[in-house]
Amino acid sequence: MTLIALVVAVTAGAQGTTIHEYPWNPDSNNDNLIGVDDLLDFLPVFGDEFGNPPEPCTYDGTPLEEFAIGVADGSIVLDSMFIEYELEDVSTYYLLGCPDPVTDTLIVAQSFMLENFTIGSNVWYGIGSNGNGYIEVYFQYELTSGTYNWYFYANSLVQFVSDGFFGGSSASTPFVPLPFPEDWYLDEEGIHFESVWEANDWAYYANYLHILPYWHYAE
């Protein structure tokens, strides 16, 4: 009898300190009492439906957005991508011992054919090279921001960027997330990027930036 009494006492004490968690916990402040504070937490959701899945996404993406997403989910097969650009920039500097500034105009024209692509559920990217380096194109999920982003890395421009041309900052363009800017679009002539670039981005200095993807729908 003594043993049974001890078990009952210990069990009762444990019940007094246990925090019960349910799919919905009516004791929102976990004080083991359903009181006024719990009711106040409940009132903001009074009348709402409970336990339903999130509403489906009804966003109607642009052709460019559908293309980028389609490559990532496998509904579009990206065969290759042609990229060409002409960049122009002016830099002024001084020579040691000379008080007169020297101004140089630099024009760089390059083209690449990207044929090797890596496709995943959260990312696709491709790389193409020529005799001067390579360029990479990325469409990928960024965990820290929760966004899908498009950007380019132009290894072939590293030397020029290091010399202070084309922004002098990075050979990579900034991440541009979905939804894309309104003046980014895809048509029969390729992909057009008309905005976003700033003075420290190499694409800002493009007289033209031509991107032509070759693709087909998956069977």
Protein backbone atom coordinates (compact mmCIF):
# COMPACT_ATOMS: atom_id res chain seq x y z
CA MET A 1 0.00 0.00 0.00
CA THR A 2 2.87 2.34 0.83
CA LEU A 3 4.46 1.68 -2.57
CA ILE A 4 1.20 2.37 -4.41
CA ALA A 5 0.76 5.64 -2.50
CA LEU A 6 4.26 6.77 -3.49
CA VAL A 7 3.63 5.98 -7.17
CA VAL A 8 0.38 7.94 -7.14
CA ALA A 9 2.06 10.91 -5.44
CA VAL A 10 4.97 11.02 -7.90
CA THR A 11 2.61 10.69 -10.87
CA ALA A 12 0.43 13.52 -9.59
CA GLY A 13 3.45 15.74 -9.10
CA ALA A 14 4.68 15.01 -12.61
CA GLN A 15 1.28 15.89 -14.08
CA GLY A 16 1.45 19.27 -12.39
CA THR A 17 4.65 20.24 -14.24
CA THR A 18 4.07 18.67 -17.65
CA ILE A 19 3.57 20.98 -20.65
CA HIS A 20 1.13 19.41 -23.08
CA GLU A 21 1.67 20.19 -26.76
CA TYR A 22 -1.12 19.56 -29.28
CA PRO A 23 -1.51 20.42 -32.97
CA TRP A 24 -3.32 23.38 -31.45
CA ASN A 25 -2.52 24.11 -27.82
CA PRO A 26 -5.41 25.82 -25.95
CA ASP A 27 -2.99 26.64 -23.10
CA SER A 28 -1.00 29.15 -25.17
CA ASN A 29 1.11 30.40 -22.26
CA ASN A 30 1.74 26.88 -20.88
CA ASP A 31 0.70 27.67 -17.30
CA ASN A 32 -1.57 24.58 -17.12
CA LEU A 33 -4.64 26.81 -16.87
CA ILE A 34 -7.03 27.83 -19.64
CA GLY A 35 -7.50 31.47 -18.72
CA VAL A 36 -8.09 34.97 -20.06
CA ASP A 37 -4.59 35.23 -21.60
CA ASP A 38 -5.21 32.06 -23.60
CA LEU A 39 -8.53 33.47 -24.81
CA LEU A 40 -6.89 36.70 -25.97
CA ASP A 41 -4.40 34.69 -28.06
CA PHE A 42 -7.31 32.79 -29.58
CA LEU A 43 -9.50 35.76 -30.53
CA PRO A 44 -7.40 37.01 -33.52
CA VAL A 45 -8.02 33.71 -35.36
CA PHE A 46 -11.67 33.29 -34.32
CA GLY A 47 -13.75 32.34 -37.35
CA ASP A 48 -10.79 31.26 -39.49
CA GLU A 49 -10.64 27.80 -41.04
CA PHE A 50 -8.39 25.41 -39.17
CA GLY A 51 -6.09 22.71 -40.49
CA ASN A 52 -6.41 23.55 -44.18
CA PRO A 53 -3.37 23.46 -46.48
CA PRO A 54 -1.96 26.74 -47.83
CA GLU A 55 -3.73 28.27 -50.77
CA PRO A 56 -2.24 27.16 -54.12
CA CYS A 57 -0.06 29.67 -55.93
CA THR A 58 -2.01 31.40 -58.70
CA TYR A 59 0.82 33.64 -59.94
CA ASP A 60 0.95 33.73 -63.73
CA GLY A 61 4.65 34.09 -64.52
CA THR A 62 6.14 35.77 -67.57
CA PRO A 63 7.60 33.62 -70.37
CA LEU A 64 11.09 34.30 -69.01
CA GLU A 65 10.09 33.24 -65.50
CA GLU A 66 8.36 30.13 -66.82
CA PHE A 67 11.49 29.29 -68.80
CA ALA A 68 13.80 29.61 -65.77
CA ILE A 69 11.47 27.56 -63.57
CA GLY A 70 10.83 25.00 -66.30
CA VAL A 71 14.54 24.27 -66.69
CA ALA A 72 14.81 23.77 -62.92
CA ASP A 73 11.82 21.41 -62.65
CA GLY A 74 12.71 19.42 -65.78
CA SER A 75 9.73 20.39 -67.94
CA ILE A 76 12.11 22.28 -70.25
CA VAL A 77 15.33 20.79 -71.62
CA LEU A 78 18.02 23.45 -72.12
CA ASP A 79 20.22 22.31 -75.01
CA SER A 80 22.60 25.27 -75.18
CA MET A 81 22.83 29.01 -74.61
CA PHE A 82 24.68 31.58 -76.70
CA ILE A 83 25.94 34.67 -74.87
CA GLU A 84 27.71 37.64 -76.41
CA TYR A 85 28.39 41.15 -75.19
CA GLU A 86 30.31 44.30 -75.91
CA LEU A 87 31.40 46.32 -72.89
CA GLU A 88 32.79 49.86 -72.98
CA ASP A 89 34.29 51.86 -70.13
CA VAL A 90 36.53 54.88 -69.60
CA SER A 91 39.16 55.08 -66.86
CA THR A 92 41.30 58.06 -65.86
CA TYR A 93 44.54 57.66 -63.94
CA TYR A 94 47.91 59.32 -63.31
CA LEU A 95 51.41 58.11 -64.11
CA LEU A 96 54.11 58.39 -61.49
CA GLY A 97 55.73 61.82 -61.67
CA CYS A 98 53.29 63.23 -64.24
CA PRO A 99 50.59 65.75 -63.19
CA ASP A 100 48.52 65.24 -66.33
CA PRO A 101 45.76 62.61 -66.24
CA VAL A 102 45.70 59.77 -68.73
CA THR A 103 42.32 58.61 -70.02
CA ASP A 104 41.84 55.16 -71.56
CA THR A 105 38.77 53.81 -73.30
CA LEU A 106 38.43 50.05 -73.13
CA ILE A 107 36.11 48.02 -75.35
CA VAL A 108 35.75 44.27 -74.75
CA ALA A 109 33.67 42.10 -77.06
CA GLN A 110 33.31 38.38 -76.30
CA SER A 111 31.01 35.49 -77.08
CA PHE A 112 30.41 32.08 -75.52
CA MET A 113 28.42 28.95 -76.26
CA LEU A 114 27.22 27.19 -73.11
CA GLU A 115 26.47 23.51 -73.69
CA ASN A 116 27.13 21.79 -70.37
CA PHE A 117 24.36 22.34 -67.83
CA THR A 118 23.81 20.98 -64.35
CA ILE A 119 20.14 20.72 -63.43
CA GLY A 120 18.74 20.26 -59.91
CA SER A 121 15.46 20.86 -58.11
CA ASN A 122 16.70 24.16 -56.67
CA VAL A 123 19.36 25.18 -59.17
CA TRP A 124 20.53 25.03 -62.74
CA TYR A 125 23.70 26.47 -64.13
CA GLY A 126 25.89 26.26 -67.19
CA ILE A 127 29.39 27.22 -68.20
CA GLY A 128 30.94 28.19 -71.52
CA SER A 129 34.52 29.08 -72.36
CA ASN A 130 36.60 30.67 -75.07
CA GLY A 131 40.29 31.48 -75.37
CA ASN A 132 39.97 34.36 -72.89
CA GLY A 133 38.22 32.61 -70.00
CA TYR A 134 34.71 31.48 -69.26
CA ILE A 135 31.27 32.68 -68.25
CA GLU A 136 28.73 30.98 -65.98
CA VAL A 137 25.00 31.50 -65.75
CA TYR A 138 23.10 30.55 -62.59
CA PHE A 139 19.48 30.22 -61.57
CA GLN A 140 19.40 29.01 -57.99
CA TYR A 141 17.67 29.05 -54.63
CA GLU A 142 19.25 31.24 -51.96
CA LEU A 143 18.63 29.77 -48.51
CA THR A 144 19.30 32.94 -46.50
CA SER A 145 16.74 35.03 -48.42
CA GLY A 146 14.35 32.26 -49.47
CA THR A 147 14.38 33.52 -53.07
CA TYR A 148 15.21 32.12 -56.51
CA ASN A 149 17.86 34.25 -58.20
CA TRP A 150 19.49 34.72 -61.57
CA TYR A 151 23.08 35.94 -61.95
CA PHE A 152 26.19 35.68 -64.14
CA TYR A 153 29.86 35.19 -63.34
CA ALA A 154 32.28 36.31 -66.07
CA ASN A 155 35.71 34.91 -65.30
CA SER A 156 36.91 36.36 -68.60
CA LEU A 157 36.47 39.87 -67.15
CA VAL A 158 38.38 39.37 -63.89
CA GLN A 159 41.56 41.03 -65.18
CA PHE A 160 39.70 44.10 -66.47
CA VAL A 161 37.65 44.43 -63.29
CA SER A 162 40.85 44.17 -61.22
CA ASP A 163 42.27 47.07 -63.24
CA GLY A 164 39.30 49.23 -62.26
CA PHE A 165 37.19 48.89 -65.39
CA PHE A 166 33.52 47.81 -65.51
CA GLY A 167 32.81 48.86 -61.96
CA GLY A 168 36.03 47.55 -60.47
CA SER A 169 34.01 45.50 -58.00
CA SER A 170 33.22 41.97 -59.12
CA ALA A 171 33.03 39.80 -62.20
CA SER A 172 29.68 38.55 -60.90
CA THR A 173 26.37 40.34 -61.42
CA PRO A 174 24.12 40.78 -58.37
CA PHE A 175 21.41 38.26 -57.51
CA VAL A 176 18.13 39.22 -59.19
CA PRO A 177 15.22 37.34 -57.57
CA LEU A 178 11.85 36.17 -58.84
CA PRO A 179 9.64 37.84 -59.81
CA PHE A 180 11.97 39.40 -62.36
CA PRO A 181 11.80 43.11 -63.28
CA GLU A 182 9.04 43.97 -65.73
CA ASP A 183 11.50 44.87 -68.50
CA TRP A 184 13.22 41.48 -68.34
CA TYR A 185 11.62 39.32 -71.00
CA LEU A 186 12.01 36.40 -73.38
CA ASP A 187 11.03 36.50 -77.05
CA GLU A 188 12.10 34.91 -80.33
CA GLU A 189 15.30 36.97 -80.29
CA GLY A 190 16.39 35.70 -76.89
CA ILE A 191 16.53 36.96 -73.31
CA HIS A 192 16.57 40.69 -72.66
CA PHE A 193 17.81 42.35 -69.47
CA GLU A 194 17.06 46.05 -69.58
CA SER A 195 17.46 47.23 -65.98
CA VAL A 196 18.72 46.52 -62.45
CA TRP A 197 22.41 46.91 -63.26
CA GLU A 198 24.30 49.55 -61.30
CA ALA A 199 27.66 51.26 -61.85
CA ASN A 200 29.59 48.53 -60.01
CA ASP A 201 28.13 45.73 -62.18
CA TRP A 202 29.93 44.77 -65.37
CA ALA A 203 26.65 44.38 -67.27
CA TYR A 204 26.00 48.09 -66.67
CA TYR A 205 28.71 48.85 -69.26
CA ALA A 206 27.25 46.70 -72.02
CA ASN A 207 26.59 48.31 -75.37
CA TYR A 208 24.72 45.08 -75.98
CA LEU A 209 24.17 41.85 -74.07
CA HIS A 210 22.70 39.11 -76.25
CA ILE A 211 21.54 35.84 -74.71
CA LEU A 212 19.90 33.23 -76.91
CA PRO A 213 18.83 29.91 -75.31
CA TYR A 214 18.11 26.81 -77.38
CA TRP A 215 15.61 24.55 -75.65
CA HIS A 216 12.66 22.21 -76.04
CA TYR A 217 9.89 20.85 -73.86
CA ALA A 218 10.54 17.53 -72.19
CA GLU A 219 8.51 14.63 -73.52
